[in-house]
Amino acid sequence: MTSLDHALSDRLPIAGAPLWRRFLQRFAGAIRTGGEPPLARLPRVKRPPVYRISRVWANRWVVLLPGSALGHVFESAAEAEAFVRGKCGDKASMVEIEIGDLYVAARLEPNRPLLFSSCR
């Protein structure tokens, strides 16, 4: 019997495990109280592919495809976006846009207007 068990034994009932062990198990999350399913049983959500469009020079834009290290170079942002839309087809995708210190994440969908329609 630990000192904590001895000090609290007459005040709190101990069912099965010592009080300190029950406290540590609750704190560490070893005991599930029920309600939510385990993480392994949750359905997996398929995320859209992520493309990266970066401005590397005044008139040079690079598009990195998901999972590749080599980029495709374009002269305007609109051409880079058209390339990404062509690769995606009729599926939604995510685009990370980097222009110097500016970082923007956008979701491209086939029925949405262009991101860079007025840029030159």
Protein backbone atom coordinates (compact mmCIF):
# COMPACT_ATOMS: atom_id res chain seq x y z
CA MET A 1 0.00 0.00 0.00
CA THR A 2 1.41 3.39 -0.94
CA SER A 3 1.22 6.46 1.22
CA LEU A 4 -1.49 7.93 -1.01
CA ASP A 5 -3.61 4.78 -0.70
CA HIS A 6 -3.22 4.75 3.06
CA ALA A 7 -4.09 8.43 3.45
CA LEU A 8 -7.26 8.25 1.35
CA SER A 9 -8.37 4.69 2.03
CA ASP A 10 -11.02 5.63 4.58
CA ARG A 11 -12.40 8.57 2.54
CA LEU A 12 -12.64 7.23 -1.02
CA PRO A 13 -13.59 3.69 -2.02
CA ILE A 14 -10.96 1.93 -4.11
CA ALA A 15 -12.52 -0.40 -6.67
CA GLY A 16 -10.00 -2.82 -8.09
CA ALA A 17 -6.96 -0.66 -8.77
CA PRO A 18 -5.30 1.77 -6.36
CA LEU A 19 -6.43 5.38 -6.61
CA TRP A 20 -3.10 6.67 -7.89
CA ARG A 21 -3.12 4.10 -10.69
CA ARG A 22 -6.68 5.02 -11.74
CA PHE A 23 -5.72 8.70 -11.73
CA LEU A 24 -2.64 8.09 -13.86
CA GLN A 25 -4.57 5.89 -16.28
CA ARG A 26 -7.21 8.57 -16.74
CA PHE A 27 -4.54 11.23 -17.11
CA ALA A 28 -2.63 9.19 -19.69
CA GLY A 29 -5.80 8.24 -21.54
CA ALA A 30 -5.42 4.52 -20.96
CA ILE A 31 -9.03 4.14 -19.81
CA ARG A 32 -11.68 4.95 -22.36
CA THR A 33 -14.86 6.39 -20.98
CA GLY A 34 -16.80 5.42 -24.10
CA GLY A 35 -18.73 7.48 -26.58
CA GLU A 36 -16.28 8.10 -29.38
CA PRO A 37 -14.97 5.30 -31.64
CA PRO A 38 -11.26 4.47 -31.71
CA LEU A 39 -9.22 6.41 -34.27
CA ALA A 40 -8.48 3.29 -36.33
CA ARG A 41 -12.18 2.89 -37.15
CA LEU A 42 -12.81 6.44 -38.37
CA PRO A 43 -13.30 6.72 -42.14
CA ARG A 44 -10.36 8.17 -44.01
CA VAL A 45 -11.00 11.39 -45.88
CA LYS A 46 -9.33 11.58 -49.26
CA ARG A 47 -7.60 14.93 -49.56
CA PRO A 48 -7.13 16.65 -52.90
CA PRO A 49 -3.62 16.85 -54.37
CA VAL A 50 -1.55 19.92 -53.47
CA TYR A 51 0.22 21.86 -56.23
CA ARG A 52 2.72 24.65 -55.57
CA ILE A 53 2.98 27.77 -57.75
CA SER A 54 6.01 29.93 -56.95
CA ARG A 55 7.21 33.20 -58.45
CA VAL A 56 10.97 32.89 -58.83
CA TRP A 57 11.64 35.94 -60.99
CA ALA A 58 9.73 38.88 -62.47
CA ASN A 59 8.28 36.81 -65.32
CA ARG A 60 9.08 33.25 -64.21
CA TRP A 61 6.58 31.03 -62.38
CA VAL A 62 7.32 27.45 -61.35
CA VAL A 63 4.69 24.77 -60.77
CA LEU A 64 5.60 21.78 -58.61
CA LEU A 65 3.34 18.76 -59.00
CA PRO A 66 2.42 16.71 -55.92
CA GLY A 67 5.20 14.26 -55.09
CA SER A 68 7.71 15.55 -57.63
CA ALA A 69 10.92 17.50 -57.19
CA LEU A 70 11.13 18.97 -60.70
CA GLY A 71 9.05 21.97 -61.66
CA HIS A 72 7.45 23.27 -64.84
CA VAL A 73 8.34 26.88 -65.75
CA PHE A 74 5.83 29.41 -67.14
CA GLU A 75 5.99 33.07 -68.08
CA SER A 76 2.80 34.16 -66.30
CA ALA A 77 0.73 33.13 -63.32
CA ALA A 78 -2.30 32.57 -65.55
CA GLU A 79 -0.36 30.02 -67.61
CA ALA A 80 0.74 28.25 -64.43
CA GLU A 81 -2.84 28.09 -63.18
CA ALA A 82 -4.08 26.82 -66.55
CA PHE A 83 -1.45 24.06 -66.38
CA VAL A 84 -2.64 23.02 -62.89
CA ARG A 85 -6.29 23.07 -64.00
CA GLY A 86 -5.34 20.93 -66.99
CA LYS A 87 -3.61 18.39 -64.76
CA CYS A 88 -6.58 18.24 -62.35
CA GLY A 89 -9.23 17.84 -65.01
CA ASP A 90 -12.66 17.91 -63.41
CA LYS A 91 -11.43 17.26 -59.84
CA ALA A 92 -10.83 19.75 -57.05
CA SER A 93 -7.25 20.45 -55.96
CA MET A 94 -5.30 22.63 -53.54
CA VAL A 95 -2.78 25.20 -54.70
CA GLU A 96 -0.07 26.82 -52.59
CA ILE A 97 0.96 30.16 -54.07
CA GLU A 98 4.28 31.74 -53.05
CA ILE A 99 5.22 35.22 -54.16
CA GLY A 100 8.24 36.39 -52.19
CA ASP A 101 7.19 36.37 -48.52
CA LEU A 102 3.49 36.06 -49.38
CA TYR A 103 1.97 32.59 -48.98
CA VAL A 104 -1.62 31.75 -49.94
CA ALA A 105 -3.41 28.41 -50.05
CA ALA A 106 -6.39 28.19 -52.38
CA ARG A 107 -8.79 25.46 -53.43
CA LEU A 108 -9.24 25.13 -57.18
CA GLU A 109 -12.53 23.72 -58.33
CA PRO A 110 -13.53 23.20 -61.96
CA ASN A 111 -16.62 25.45 -61.80
CA ARG A 112 -14.87 28.37 -60.01
CA PRO A 113 -13.36 31.40 -61.79
CA LEU A 114 -9.64 31.72 -62.39
CA LEU A 115 -7.33 32.90 -59.62
CA PHE A 116 -5.07 34.99 -61.86
CA SER A 117 -7.48 36.30 -64.47
CA SER A 118 -6.29 39.91 -64.19
CA CYS A 119 -2.56 39.30 -63.49
CA ARG A 120 0.02 39.81 -66.20
